[in-house]
Amino acid sequence: MHKILVAGNPDYGLSKSIKFVYPDATFVSRTHGGFDLSIPSKQRELAELSMDYDVFIAVSCIWRFAQTEYVQEVAKRWIERKHGYIISIGSSADTPVKGTPWMYPAEKKALRAYCRQLSQISAGENDCKLKITYLSPGNIHTPNQDEKMPGTLKLEPAYIASTIKWLIDQPDSINLSELCLDRII
């Protein structure tokens, strides 16, 4: 049985579906536990808390690259202890290049690049058994996304949560460094 820490609000979206799959998981967010992860001191506090867990799921997308920063804080400590599994929820918006001032795609590209960099740590010939997965879903069915993008095909949060469970259930010797999900029908 894995001890799981999730950066995300268990009352909303993907985190709510993760809570259904893993009812014993611990959730932290600005509205759940007072973790405003845009604040560096709270990122460090989250990293310290994470040391009591073996799976960390970074769901909370905090703007201004804070998601990458809090994943980095957790990863620094987990690299030192040489084991664990970090799953970062990215976005399929990280791949296209559009002429727009919207920072979200650039922020997700940074998270993706950082996760790729981290996944090379365990791939080398060392004793670090840290697993890293960057999970890149397309649009997710949430009230916010339904309002912003009506008529767009969306993934159900429950499906993504079941994919996360599948990732966690993989053998310790296997790391899926990146997985992209999109709805086509």
Protein backbone atom coordinates (compact mmCIF):
# COMPACT_ATOMS: atom_id res chain seq x y z
CA MET A 1 0.00 0.00 0.00
CA HIS A 2 1.39 3.36 -1.01
CA LYS A 3 1.31 6.44 1.17
CA ILE A 4 0.19 9.23 -1.19
CA LEU A 5 0.43 13.01 -0.92
CA VAL A 6 -1.47 15.14 -3.44
CA ALA A 7 -0.99 18.85 -4.08
CA GLY A 8 -4.58 19.66 -5.00
CA ASN A 9 -8.03 20.41 -3.64
CA PRO A 10 -9.86 17.11 -2.94
CA ASP A 11 -13.21 18.80 -3.51
CA TYR A 12 -12.60 19.71 -7.15
CA GLY A 13 -11.72 18.22 -10.53
CA LEU A 14 -8.94 15.68 -10.88
CA SER A 15 -8.00 15.80 -7.19
CA LYS A 16 -11.59 14.88 -6.29
CA SER A 17 -11.33 11.82 -8.55
CA ILE A 18 -7.96 10.89 -7.06
CA LYS A 19 -9.59 11.09 -3.61
CA PHE A 20 -12.20 8.58 -4.81
CA VAL A 21 -9.47 6.14 -5.96
CA TYR A 22 -7.21 6.79 -2.95
CA PRO A 23 -9.47 7.76 -0.01
CA ASP A 24 -6.55 7.57 2.44
CA ALA A 25 -4.36 10.00 0.46
CA THR A 26 -3.41 13.32 2.04
CA PHE A 27 -4.34 16.46 0.12
CA VAL A 28 -2.87 19.93 0.49
CA SER A 29 -3.84 23.16 -1.25
CA ARG A 30 -4.50 26.78 -0.45
CA THR A 31 -8.09 25.93 0.50
CA HIS A 32 -7.27 22.55 2.06
CA GLY A 33 -4.59 22.72 4.73
CA GLY A 34 -3.47 26.30 4.14
CA PHE A 35 -0.77 25.49 1.57
CA ASP A 36 -0.54 28.46 -0.78
CA LEU A 37 2.00 26.82 -3.07
CA SER A 38 2.82 30.07 -4.83
CA ILE A 39 4.78 31.04 -1.69
CA PRO A 40 8.35 29.63 -1.52
CA SER A 41 8.17 28.96 2.25
CA LYS A 42 5.01 26.88 1.72
CA GLN A 43 6.74 25.00 -1.11
CA ARG A 44 9.57 24.10 1.27
CA GLU A 45 7.03 23.13 3.96
CA LEU A 46 5.31 20.86 1.43
CA ALA A 47 8.67 19.28 0.56
CA GLU A 48 9.34 18.54 4.24
CA LEU A 49 5.86 17.05 4.64
CA SER A 50 6.41 14.91 1.53
CA MET A 51 9.26 13.03 3.19
CA ASP A 52 6.65 10.92 5.03
CA TYR A 53 5.17 9.69 1.72
CA ASP A 54 6.28 7.47 -1.13
CA VAL A 55 4.09 8.93 -3.90
CA PHE A 56 3.65 12.63 -4.59
CA ILE A 57 1.09 13.80 -7.17
CA ALA A 58 1.44 17.43 -8.29
CA VAL A 59 -2.03 18.37 -9.49
CA SER A 60 -2.25 22.02 -8.42
CA CYS A 61 -1.42 24.21 -11.35
CA ILE A 62 -0.20 27.44 -9.83
CA TRP A 63 0.70 30.17 -12.27
CA ARG A 64 4.09 31.90 -12.57
CA PHE A 65 5.92 28.55 -12.74
CA ALA A 66 5.09 27.70 -9.11
CA GLN A 67 4.05 24.14 -10.00
CA THR A 68 7.54 23.50 -11.36
CA GLU A 69 9.03 25.18 -8.30
CA TYR A 70 7.14 23.08 -5.76
CA VAL A 71 7.90 19.89 -7.70
CA GLN A 72 11.57 20.94 -7.62
CA GLU A 73 11.46 21.38 -3.83
CA VAL A 74 10.01 17.89 -3.37
CA ALA A 75 12.43 16.36 -5.91
CA LYS A 76 15.50 17.85 -4.19
CA ARG A 77 14.62 16.05 -0.96
CA TRP A 78 13.57 12.83 -2.65
CA ILE A 79 16.80 12.66 -4.67
CA GLU A 80 18.70 12.79 -1.38
CA ARG A 81 16.66 9.91 0.05
CA LYS A 82 17.00 8.07 -3.32
CA HIS A 83 13.47 6.74 -3.77
CA GLY A 84 9.81 7.62 -4.29
CA TYR A 85 7.47 8.39 -7.16
CA ILE A 86 6.57 11.90 -8.35
CA ILE A 87 3.70 12.28 -10.82
CA SER A 88 3.31 15.79 -12.23
CA ILE A 89 0.11 16.69 -14.02
CA GLY A 90 0.97 18.71 -17.08
CA SER A 91 -1.11 19.55 -20.10
CA SER A 92 -1.31 18.86 -23.79
CA ALA A 93 -1.11 22.66 -24.13
CA ASP A 94 2.65 22.26 -23.63
CA THR A 95 3.28 21.13 -27.22
CA PRO A 96 1.71 23.58 -29.67
CA VAL A 97 3.27 26.94 -30.30
CA LYS A 98 0.72 29.70 -30.73
CA GLY A 99 1.13 33.43 -31.03
CA THR A 100 -0.34 34.33 -27.66
CA PRO A 101 0.77 36.08 -24.47
CA TRP A 102 -0.90 33.32 -22.39
CA MET A 103 1.78 31.89 -20.08
CA TYR A 104 0.09 28.56 -19.27
CA PRO A 105 1.68 26.64 -22.20
CA ALA A 106 5.13 28.00 -21.35
CA GLU A 107 4.67 27.05 -17.69
CA LYS A 108 3.68 23.49 -18.64
CA LYS A 109 6.64 23.27 -21.07
CA ALA A 110 8.93 24.17 -18.17
CA LEU A 111 7.34 21.48 -15.96
CA ARG A 112 7.66 18.92 -18.75
CA ALA A 113 11.32 19.76 -19.36
CA TYR A 114 12.09 19.61 -15.64
CA CYS A 115 10.38 16.21 -15.29
CA ARG A 116 12.34 14.89 -18.28
CA GLN A 117 15.53 16.10 -16.66
CA LEU A 118 14.60 14.40 -13.37
CA SER A 119 13.70 11.12 -15.06
CA GLN A 120 17.31 10.82 -16.22
CA ILE A 121 18.53 10.59 -12.63
CA SER A 122 17.19 7.06 -12.13
CA ALA A 123 18.03 6.07 -15.70
CA GLY A 124 21.74 6.47 -14.98
CA GLU A 125 23.92 3.95 -13.25
CA ASN A 126 23.40 5.03 -9.67
CA ASP A 127 21.47 3.86 -6.66
CA CYS A 128 18.69 6.47 -6.91
CA LYS A 129 15.33 4.76 -7.44
CA LEU A 130 13.27 7.91 -7.92
CA LYS A 131 10.48 7.51 -10.47
CA ILE A 132 9.14 10.55 -12.30
CA THR A 133 6.15 10.73 -14.64
CA TYR A 134 4.89 13.77 -16.50
CA LEU A 135 1.22 13.05 -17.25
CA SER A 136 -0.06 15.30 -19.99
CA PRO A 137 -3.86 15.22 -20.33
CA GLY A 138 -5.88 17.17 -22.84
CA ASN A 139 -8.88 19.17 -21.73
CA ILE A 140 -10.41 17.82 -18.53
CA HIS A 141 -14.16 17.83 -17.90
CA THR A 142 -14.62 20.33 -15.05
CA PRO A 143 -17.18 23.13 -14.61
CA ASN A 144 -14.44 25.69 -15.29
CA GLN A 145 -13.32 24.00 -18.53
CA ASP A 146 -16.91 23.44 -19.65
CA GLU A 147 -17.52 27.18 -19.32
CA LYS A 148 -14.24 28.20 -21.03
CA MET A 149 -14.39 25.64 -23.83
CA PRO A 150 -17.95 24.51 -24.53
CA GLY A 151 -18.23 21.85 -27.21
CA THR A 152 -14.62 20.68 -26.81
CA LEU A 153 -14.00 16.99 -26.23
CA LYS A 154 -12.83 16.50 -22.65
CA LEU A 155 -11.35 13.69 -20.59
CA GLU A 156 -13.23 12.58 -17.50
CA PRO A 157 -11.27 13.19 -14.27
CA ALA A 158 -12.13 9.63 -13.15
CA TYR A 159 -10.35 8.22 -16.20
CA ILE A 160 -7.22 10.25 -15.47
CA ALA A 161 -7.33 9.13 -11.81
CA SER A 162 -7.54 5.49 -12.96
CA THR A 163 -4.54 6.13 -15.23
CA ILE A 164 -2.63 7.49 -12.22
CA LYS A 165 -3.51 4.32 -10.30
CA TRP A 166 -2.25 2.27 -13.25
CA LEU A 167 1.03 4.22 -13.22
CA ILE A 168 1.48 3.71 -9.48
CA ASP A 169 0.76 -0.01 -9.84
CA GLN A 170 3.61 -0.53 -12.34
CA PRO A 171 6.61 -2.56 -11.13
CA ASP A 172 9.24 -0.62 -9.17
CA SER A 173 11.73 -1.40 -11.94
CA ILE A 174 9.66 0.47 -14.57
CA ASN A 175 9.40 4.23 -14.97
CA LEU A 176 7.05 5.73 -17.54
CA SER A 177 8.65 9.14 -17.84
CA GLU A 178 5.89 10.68 -19.94
CA LEU A 179 2.33 9.85 -20.89
CA CYS A 180 -0.03 11.96 -23.02
CA LEU A 181 -3.80 11.50 -22.97
CA ASP A 182 -6.33 13.05 -25.37
CA ARG A 183 -9.95 12.36 -26.08
CA ILE A 184 -10.71 11.71 -29.74
CA ILE A 185 -14.37 10.65 -29.76
